[in-house]
Structures are given as structure tokens and as C-alpha cells.
Amino acid sequence: MTADPSAVAAAHQVLAHLGVTMADLQAHPGARAALPTVAEYLPRLVAAAGPGARRTYGTYWDRMAAAWPDRPLDSITASDIEALKQGMMASAVSRRNSRNGRHAGEHVVAAARAFYTQAIADGLIDASASPAHRVAKPRRLPSTRRALTPHELEEINIEARTSGNDVILDALLLRLHTETACRRGGALALRLVDLDTTNGLVRLTEKGATIRWQPITLDLAGHLHEHARACGAVLLTDPLLRTRAGQPVTSRRYDHLWKRLGERLPWVAVHGVSTHWLRHTTLTWVERHFGYGIARAYAGHTDSPGSSITTYIKADLHDVANALSAMTGHPHPLARECGSKGVSGLTCRALCLVRRVP
């Protein structure tokens, strides 16, 4: 923004009255308040960040602090961040689902933007001075995830139930994600109080701290409750998903599960199949048979912005229960309609469960 000429003239008069020139100001930068260095500011940033941001960006913030530990915030340039991005992309670990380091580059820029957004909010730099917001993110390529076929879904479930050190837990995990299309974080956050065995519901807390009740079959609800009690869940706030030893399930359980399935089913490893593929599978089926509005509600996207048409096609809990009932072939207490409306559901043979003997 161009300064007001009269304000500039007034500033020159003040400087002349004080006997100070612009050269004097440039020669004594210490006269202004010193900005913290990247390493000094990082602890403040981490303390103010949420758990999701720390998990996603923590590694990249540490790389920034290691690369520029003694440099003030306003000394970092866009080319510095671009060089860090290119270095991270070049050194990214190559995996079956790698995109030539694009994800690492995208995370570097996002982490740097989060870093400087907080610095702007703290009044340390001006919004126009952020170098991170002048660096372009790598263009995100279309996802290679897709809906599993009924045969593929059946293969995965059969292998999960016939291998591993806790086949009941693994079967429950796959069944839960297939019925609800929930994310991994939503399943891990479930507590005993989040399970309604009477109405066949689980309360999911997912991205952005969104909370919703999601229908599940009464069969799965009963198995989840029985599993939690048999594995030591007592208090209503105790985690619902637990190992045989009574420990709450962590994300490592999912990692080990898919690693084992990839060893037994080579195509799982080749395509990088993960828990999120189950979400794709269920939501694709719901959209094909019940339409976009109900699939949107099934996914828990009702609070996210969308086209104006979503205002008029909102689905409710009963609509989601109808879709679940048709997909699984199990009646649901909240479903408005009985039967499957003539549609074929996902294979139920693959999703059968066995009970844990206390």
C-alpha cells in the first residue's frame, strides 16, 4: 500500500528535528525490537498448535529449526522455503504409493504457512511479509484409492480372521470401518460411552473435532460391547477398542494389520490398500444406490461447505440407517423402511463375526 505523501513528509520533519537520517536507522537495526529466531519461536508455536497440527507438521517444523536455528523470522525468504521443499521432495522415502516426494513438498509448504500464520497472529510480522505464502504447493494429483470389489473385500476379511495374534479385534476393526466409513482417528477415539447398543449407534469424533452419531448394525454393536467388556473396559470413558491384553488400540495396530494382509495378499501391498479404502468402498456403494445426499451424510460431510444444492438435499440419521440396512442386509431400529429396496449389498459372508470367550 502506498504511503500518504503528507505522512511521509511529516516523518521526514520529525527525523530532521531529531537529527536522525535514514542511513542512521539502517545502520542501527538493533534499535527496533529484535524478532525471535526460528529455533526460539518454535516452542511457542508447538505449544499453541493442536495435536493434529503437531502430528502432521511437527517433523517439518523441526527441519525448519535445524536449517535456520539462529535466523530471525523476518530473515527467511521464499527461496529458503523453496530450497527446503525441494530438498525434502528429493530425500522422501520411496514407497509403493509414492508420488515423487509431492506429499513431502506439500507438507513443507503447509507447515511453513502454519508457522508464519501464527507469527502473524502474534503480531511479530506483517501478513504481507510471510515468505511461506509466496511459495506454491506442488499440485495434488488425483488419488489412486478406489472402492474395493466384493471379492477383494471378502479376501481381506477372510485373511484378517485367519491370521494374526487377535483375529477378533482385526475382524471388528474391518467391520466397523466398513459399516460406518469412519476414519481411523474416529475409531481410535471411541469410548464405551460412545456406543449405543439399543439403537445401534456409535458417536464418532473425527477431523475438525466434528461429532456425529453413526448407525451400525445391532450385531456389530453387541460384539463391540462384548469385546470391550471382555478386554477390561469398565468406566464409560474407557477406550472401546482394546487388545486381548486390555490395552487401548493405537494406530500401530492398523499398520501391522495391513502389513500382514499385504504379505498374504500381494495385490494389497502392490496397490497400497489401507483402512481409507474401506471408506471409499462403503461411500461409493451408498452413492450408487442411494444418491449423493445420503452418501454425503454417511461420510459425515454435512458440516463442510459444498455447492448450494446441498442445502436442499440434506439427509438425516434415518436415511443413513436405511442405507446401512440395505448394504448389510440387517434391519436397523432407526431405518424408516424395511428391506433392501431391491439393491444388492456388500458381501455379508466376509463380514461375519465370532465372539470372544471371556
Protein backbone atom coordinates (compact mmCIF):
# COMPACT_ATOMS: atom_id res chain seq x y z
CA MET A 1 0.00 0.00 0.00
CA THR A 2 1.44 3.42 -0.99
CA ALA A 3 2.12 5.70 1.94
CA ASP A 4 0.35 9.05 2.25
CA PRO A 5 2.75 11.73 0.94
CA SER A 6 1.80 14.08 3.77
CA ALA A 7 2.61 11.35 6.32
CA VAL A 8 5.98 10.77 4.68
CA ALA A 9 6.74 14.50 4.77
CA ALA A 10 5.77 14.64 8.44
CA ALA A 11 8.06 11.68 9.22
CA HIS A 12 10.97 13.42 7.47
CA GLN A 13 10.35 16.57 9.53
CA VAL A 14 10.39 14.54 12.76
CA LEU A 15 13.64 12.82 11.76
CA ALA A 16 15.20 16.13 10.82
CA HIS A 17 14.17 17.61 14.16
CA LEU A 18 15.81 14.64 15.94
CA GLY A 19 18.90 14.86 13.78
CA VAL A 20 18.45 11.30 12.51
CA THR A 21 18.83 10.22 8.90
CA MET A 22 17.59 7.11 7.08
CA ALA A 23 21.20 5.93 6.92
CA ASP A 24 21.35 6.12 10.71
CA LEU A 25 18.25 3.95 11.00
CA GLN A 26 19.61 1.35 8.60
CA ALA A 27 22.97 1.32 10.38
CA HIS A 28 21.35 0.55 13.74
CA PRO A 29 18.83 -2.27 13.17
CA GLY A 30 19.09 -3.19 16.86
CA ALA A 31 17.15 -0.05 17.68
CA ARG A 32 13.94 -1.87 16.79
CA ALA A 33 12.61 -4.80 18.80
CA ALA A 34 14.54 -7.94 17.88
CA LEU A 35 12.45 -10.73 16.44
CA PRO A 36 12.90 -14.25 17.80
CA THR A 37 14.86 -16.72 15.76
CA VAL A 38 13.17 -19.73 14.16
CA ALA A 39 14.52 -22.02 16.91
CA GLU A 40 13.40 -19.61 19.65
CA TYR A 41 9.89 -19.26 18.25
CA LEU A 42 9.29 -22.96 17.60
CA PRO A 43 8.41 -23.92 21.23
CA ARG A 44 5.77 -21.17 21.34
CA LEU A 45 4.30 -22.40 18.07
CA VAL A 46 4.19 -26.04 19.19
CA ALA A 47 2.52 -25.09 22.48
CA ALA A 48 -0.21 -23.22 20.61
CA ALA A 49 -0.77 -25.93 17.98
CA GLY A 50 -3.36 -28.67 18.28
CA PRO A 51 -2.48 -32.37 18.36
CA GLY A 52 -3.35 -32.83 14.70
CA ALA A 53 -1.09 -29.98 13.58
CA ARG A 54 1.76 -31.22 15.76
CA ARG A 55 1.43 -34.71 14.33
CA THR A 56 1.26 -33.52 10.72
CA TYR A 57 3.72 -30.63 10.77
CA GLY A 58 5.99 -31.40 13.71
CA THR A 59 8.68 -33.10 11.63
CA TYR A 60 8.79 -30.21 9.16
CA TRP A 61 8.90 -27.56 11.88
CA ASP A 62 11.89 -29.38 13.36
CA ARG A 63 13.56 -29.33 9.94
CA MET A 64 12.98 -25.57 9.71
CA ALA A 65 14.53 -25.04 13.13
CA ALA A 66 17.50 -27.24 12.19
CA ALA A 67 18.03 -25.42 8.88
CA TRP A 68 17.69 -21.87 10.23
CA PRO A 69 18.22 -22.05 14.02
CA ASP A 70 19.76 -18.58 14.50
CA ARG A 71 17.94 -16.63 11.82
CA PRO A 72 15.20 -14.17 12.84
CA LEU A 73 11.73 -14.79 11.49
CA ASP A 74 11.90 -11.88 9.06
CA SER A 75 15.19 -13.05 7.53
CA ILE A 76 13.73 -16.20 5.95
CA THR A 77 12.96 -15.77 2.27
CA ALA A 78 10.67 -17.54 -0.13
CA SER A 79 13.72 -19.06 -1.83
CA ASP A 80 14.83 -20.53 1.52
CA ILE A 81 11.50 -22.33 1.90
CA GLU A 82 11.53 -23.37 -1.75
CA ALA A 83 15.01 -24.88 -1.28
CA LEU A 84 13.82 -26.77 1.83
CA LYS A 85 10.80 -28.03 -0.12
CA GLN A 86 12.93 -29.28 -2.99
CA GLY A 87 15.35 -30.97 -0.58
CA MET A 88 12.55 -32.77 1.25
CA MET A 89 11.00 -33.90 -2.02
CA ALA A 90 14.32 -35.27 -3.23
CA SER A 91 15.01 -37.15 0.02
CA ALA A 92 11.48 -38.51 0.56
CA VAL A 93 11.35 -42.23 1.24
CA SER A 94 10.26 -44.15 -1.84
CA ARG A 95 7.21 -46.35 -1.20
CA ARG A 96 4.79 -48.20 -3.44
CA ASN A 97 2.33 -45.30 -3.29
CA SER A 98 4.97 -42.53 -3.53
CA ARG A 99 4.36 -39.53 -5.80
CA ASN A 100 7.99 -38.43 -6.29
CA GLY A 101 8.01 -36.63 -2.96
CA ARG A 102 4.97 -34.46 -3.75
CA HIS A 103 3.36 -35.12 -0.39
CA ALA A 104 6.57 -34.16 1.44
CA GLY A 105 6.82 -30.95 -0.58
CA GLU A 106 3.19 -30.11 0.08
CA HIS A 107 3.68 -30.66 3.81
CA VAL A 108 6.79 -28.45 3.90
CA VAL A 109 4.85 -25.52 2.44
CA ALA A 110 1.79 -26.17 4.64
CA ALA A 111 3.99 -26.39 7.75
CA ALA A 112 5.80 -23.17 6.87
CA ARG A 113 2.48 -21.39 6.26
CA ALA A 114 1.17 -22.57 9.62
CA PHE A 115 4.42 -21.36 11.22
CA TYR A 116 4.12 -17.87 9.76
CA THR A 117 0.36 -17.64 10.21
CA GLN A 118 0.92 -17.98 13.96
CA ALA A 119 3.74 -15.42 13.84
CA ILE A 120 1.37 -13.00 12.08
CA ALA A 121 -1.32 -13.65 14.70
CA ASP A 122 1.25 -12.91 17.42
CA GLY A 123 2.00 -9.56 15.78
CA LEU A 124 5.63 -10.43 15.09
CA ILE A 125 5.50 -9.86 11.33
CA ASP A 126 3.09 -8.27 8.90
CA ALA A 127 0.83 -10.53 6.85
CA SER A 128 2.42 -9.30 3.63
CA ALA A 129 5.88 -10.27 4.94
CA SER A 130 5.22 -14.01 5.17
CA PRO A 131 7.65 -15.83 2.86
CA ALA A 132 5.75 -19.12 3.16
CA HIS A 133 2.64 -17.74 1.49
CA ARG A 134 4.68 -16.80 -1.57
CA VAL A 135 5.76 -20.41 -2.20
CA ALA A 136 3.46 -22.57 -4.33
CA LYS A 137 2.43 -26.02 -3.16
CA PRO A 138 3.02 -28.94 -5.53
CA ARG A 139 -0.15 -29.67 -7.47
CA ARG A 140 -2.03 -32.50 -5.79
CA LEU A 141 -2.53 -35.45 -8.11
CA PRO A 142 -5.76 -37.47 -8.16
CA SER A 143 -5.88 -40.19 -5.52
CA THR A 144 -5.25 -43.77 -6.61
CA ARG A 145 -7.62 -45.08 -3.94
CA ARG A 146 -10.79 -46.73 -5.16
CA ALA A 147 -13.68 -48.82 -3.94
CA LEU A 148 -12.85 -52.47 -3.33
CA THR A 149 -14.82 -55.11 -5.21
CA PRO A 150 -16.94 -57.52 -3.13
CA HIS A 151 -14.42 -60.28 -3.88
CA GLU A 152 -11.47 -58.13 -2.74
CA LEU A 153 -13.31 -57.13 0.42
CA GLU A 154 -14.08 -60.75 1.16
CA GLU A 155 -10.45 -61.79 0.66
CA ILE A 156 -9.25 -59.11 3.06
CA ASN A 157 -11.72 -60.09 5.76
CA ILE A 158 -11.02 -63.81 5.46
CA GLU A 159 -7.26 -63.28 5.77
CA ALA A 160 -7.75 -60.96 8.76
CA ARG A 161 -9.85 -63.63 10.51
CA THR A 162 -7.41 -66.47 9.85
CA SER A 163 -4.07 -64.87 10.73
CA GLY A 164 -2.56 -62.60 13.34
CA ASN A 165 -2.49 -62.66 17.12
CA ASP A 166 -6.01 -61.25 17.67
CA VAL A 167 -8.34 -62.16 14.83
CA ILE A 168 -11.44 -60.99 16.70
CA LEU A 169 -10.07 -57.48 17.13
CA ASP A 170 -8.98 -57.32 13.49
CA ALA A 171 -12.37 -58.54 12.29
CA LEU A 172 -14.09 -55.91 14.44
CA LEU A 173 -11.90 -53.16 13.06
CA LEU A 174 -12.64 -54.07 9.45
CA ARG A 175 -16.35 -54.48 10.14
CA LEU A 176 -16.53 -51.14 11.99
CA HIS A 177 -14.84 -49.22 9.19
CA THR A 178 -16.92 -50.95 6.50
CA GLU A 179 -20.24 -50.24 8.21
CA THR A 180 -19.51 -46.66 9.27
CA ALA A 181 -16.97 -45.49 6.63
CA CYS A 182 -15.24 -43.76 9.54
CA ARG A 183 -11.65 -42.62 9.51
CA ARG A 184 -9.00 -44.33 11.57
CA GLY A 185 -8.90 -41.46 14.06
CA GLY A 186 -12.64 -41.73 14.63
CA ALA A 187 -12.36 -45.42 15.54
CA LEU A 188 -9.41 -44.88 17.87
CA ALA A 189 -11.29 -42.14 19.74
CA LEU A 190 -14.29 -44.35 20.57
CA ARG A 191 -15.08 -44.87 24.25
CA LEU A 192 -17.54 -47.16 25.97
CA VAL A 193 -19.93 -44.21 26.41
CA ASP A 194 -19.93 -43.66 22.63
CA LEU A 195 -21.65 -46.99 21.98
CA ASP A 196 -25.47 -47.20 21.96
CA THR A 197 -26.33 -50.89 21.75
CA THR A 198 -30.09 -50.25 21.94
CA ASN A 199 -30.36 -48.02 18.88
CA GLY A 200 -27.33 -49.36 17.02
CA LEU A 201 -25.22 -46.17 17.04
CA VAL A 202 -21.65 -45.07 17.66
CA ARG A 203 -20.63 -41.48 18.38
CA LEU A 204 -17.71 -40.57 16.12
CA THR A 205 -15.30 -37.72 16.80
CA GLU A 206 -13.30 -37.05 13.66
CA LYS A 207 -11.48 -34.33 11.70
CA GLY A 208 -12.02 -30.80 12.93
CA ALA A 209 -13.45 -32.14 16.22
CA THR A 210 -16.72 -32.90 14.43
CA ILE A 211 -19.07 -35.20 16.33
CA ARG A 212 -21.85 -37.30 14.86
CA TRP A 213 -23.89 -40.39 15.68
CA GLN A 214 -23.42 -43.07 13.03
CA PRO A 215 -25.71 -46.11 12.65
CA ILE A 216 -24.20 -49.59 12.94
CA THR A 217 -25.91 -52.97 12.93
CA LEU A 218 -27.12 -54.31 16.25
CA ASP A 219 -24.92 -57.35 15.61
CA LEU A 220 -21.78 -55.20 15.46
CA ALA A 221 -22.91 -53.08 18.42
CA GLY A 222 -23.31 -56.20 20.55
CA HIS A 223 -19.94 -57.59 19.52
CA LEU A 224 -18.21 -54.26 20.24
CA HIS A 225 -19.73 -54.06 23.71
CA GLU A 226 -18.88 -57.67 24.48
CA HIS A 227 -15.33 -57.19 23.19
CA ALA A 228 -14.76 -54.05 25.29
CA ARG A 229 -16.04 -55.67 28.49
CA ALA A 230 -14.06 -58.87 27.92
CA CYS A 231 -10.88 -56.82 27.41
CA GLY A 232 -11.19 -54.77 30.57
CA ALA A 233 -13.30 -51.72 29.72
CA VAL A 234 -15.15 -50.72 32.91
CA LEU A 235 -15.61 -46.96 33.05
CA LEU A 236 -17.75 -45.20 30.47
CA THR A 237 -14.70 -43.16 29.45
CA ASP A 238 -12.55 -46.25 28.82
CA PRO A 239 -11.47 -46.80 25.18
CA LEU A 240 -13.81 -49.12 23.30
CA LEU A 241 -11.28 -50.87 21.06
CA ARG A 242 -8.74 -52.84 23.06
CA THR A 243 -6.22 -55.62 22.62
CA ARG A 244 -6.51 -59.02 24.30
CA ALA A 245 -4.15 -57.71 26.99
CA GLY A 246 -6.59 -54.90 27.73
CA GLN A 247 -4.50 -52.10 26.19
CA PRO A 248 -6.22 -49.44 24.06
CA VAL A 249 -5.69 -49.91 20.34
CA THR A 250 -3.30 -47.45 18.68
CA SER A 251 -2.57 -46.62 15.05
CA ARG A 252 0.21 -49.23 15.10
CA ARG A 253 -2.46 -51.96 15.15
CA TYR A 254 -3.65 -50.75 11.75
CA ASP A 255 -0.09 -50.60 10.42
CA HIS A 256 0.61 -54.18 11.49
CA LEU A 257 -2.75 -55.37 10.13
CA TRP A 258 -2.20 -54.01 6.63
CA LYS A 259 1.41 -55.13 6.57
CA ARG A 260 0.29 -58.68 7.36
CA LEU A 261 -2.51 -58.54 4.79
CA GLY A 262 -0.04 -57.27 2.20
CA GLU A 263 2.25 -60.23 2.87
CA ARG A 264 -0.62 -62.71 2.45
CA LEU A 265 -2.38 -60.89 -0.39
CA PRO A 266 0.25 -59.42 -2.73
CA TRP A 267 -2.26 -57.18 -4.51
CA VAL A 268 -2.94 -55.39 -1.20
CA ALA A 269 0.72 -54.39 -0.98
CA VAL A 270 1.03 -53.57 -4.68
CA HIS A 271 -1.85 -51.09 -4.58
CA GLY A 272 -1.13 -49.77 -1.10
CA VAL A 273 -4.56 -50.72 0.23
CA SER A 274 -5.27 -49.18 3.62
CA THR A 275 -8.15 -48.55 6.01
CA HIS A 276 -9.19 -45.50 3.99
CA TRP A 277 -10.01 -47.80 1.06
CA LEU A 278 -12.87 -49.18 3.15
CA ARG A 279 -14.25 -45.65 3.42
CA HIS A 280 -14.10 -45.36 -0.37
CA THR A 281 -15.80 -48.74 -0.73
CA THR A 282 -18.75 -48.00 1.53
CA LEU A 283 -19.37 -44.43 0.36
CA THR A 284 -19.18 -45.45 -3.30
CA TRP A 285 -21.78 -48.16 -2.69
CA VAL A 286 -24.07 -45.76 -0.82
CA GLU A 287 -23.77 -43.07 -3.51
CA ARG A 288 -24.52 -45.52 -6.32
CA HIS A 289 -27.65 -46.91 -4.65
CA PHE A 290 -28.96 -44.03 -2.50
CA GLY A 291 -27.61 -40.87 -4.12
CA TYR A 292 -25.16 -38.09 -3.34
CA GLY A 293 -27.09 -36.50 -0.47
CA ILE A 294 -27.22 -39.66 1.63
CA ALA A 295 -23.61 -40.54 0.79
CA ARG A 296 -22.58 -37.07 1.97
CA ALA A 297 -24.37 -37.58 5.28
CA TYR A 298 -22.96 -41.11 5.59
CA ALA A 299 -19.45 -39.65 5.23
CA GLY A 300 -20.09 -37.03 7.90
CA HIS A 301 -19.68 -34.14 5.45
CA THR A 302 -22.87 -32.34 6.42
CA ASP A 303 -20.95 -29.54 8.18
CA SER A 304 -18.46 -28.97 5.38
CA PRO A 305 -19.09 -26.38 2.65
CA GLY A 306 -20.38 -27.64 -0.64
CA SER A 307 -22.41 -26.48 -3.61
CA SER A 308 -25.65 -24.63 -2.96
CA ILE A 309 -27.63 -27.75 -3.90
CA THR A 310 -26.51 -29.43 -0.66
CA THR A 311 -28.85 -27.06 1.19
CA TYR A 312 -31.81 -28.87 -0.32
CA ILE A 313 -30.66 -32.50 -0.31
CA LYS A 314 -29.64 -32.93 3.31
CA ALA A 315 -30.10 -36.45 4.64
CA ASP A 316 -30.77 -37.36 8.24
CA LEU A 317 -29.91 -40.23 10.57
CA HIS A 318 -32.85 -42.32 9.35
CA ASP A 319 -31.68 -42.06 5.74
CA VAL A 320 -28.22 -43.25 6.75
CA ALA A 321 -29.77 -46.13 8.70
CA ASN A 322 -31.78 -47.13 5.61
CA ALA A 323 -28.60 -47.29 3.54
CA LEU A 324 -26.79 -49.29 6.21
CA SER A 325 -29.66 -51.77 6.44
CA ALA A 326 -29.70 -52.29 2.68
CA MET A 327 -25.92 -52.62 2.50
CA THR A 328 -25.59 -55.19 5.29
CA GLY A 329 -28.91 -56.98 4.99
CA HIS A 330 -29.56 -56.36 8.71
CA PRO A 331 -32.66 -54.44 9.90
CA HIS A 332 -31.91 -51.30 11.89
CA PRO A 333 -34.09 -49.70 14.62
CA LEU A 334 -33.83 -46.23 13.05
CA ALA A 335 -34.47 -47.26 9.45
CA ARG A 336 -37.74 -45.86 8.08
CA GLU A 337 -38.09 -48.63 5.53
CA CYS A 338 -37.75 -52.37 5.78
CA GLY A 339 -35.97 -54.42 3.18
CA SER A 340 -33.19 -53.54 0.80
CA LYS A 341 -35.20 -51.76 -1.94
CA GLY A 342 -34.05 -54.39 -4.41
CA VAL A 343 -30.36 -53.50 -4.20
CA SER A 344 -27.57 -55.95 -3.55
CA GLY A 345 -25.41 -55.16 -0.53
CA LEU A 346 -21.74 -55.74 0.11
CA THR A 347 -20.85 -59.33 0.76
CA CYS A 348 -22.05 -60.27 4.23
CA ARG A 349 -20.15 -63.55 4.29
CA ALA A 350 -16.90 -61.62 4.55
CA LEU A 351 -18.15 -59.56 7.46
CA CYS A 352 -19.32 -62.29 9.81
CA LEU A 353 -18.00 -62.06 13.36
CA VAL A 354 -17.13 -64.52 16.07
CA ARG A 355 -17.49 -63.97 19.77
CA ARG A 356 -14.65 -63.67 22.22
CA VAL A 357 -14.84 -66.15 25.07
CA PRO A 358 -14.06 -64.34 28.35
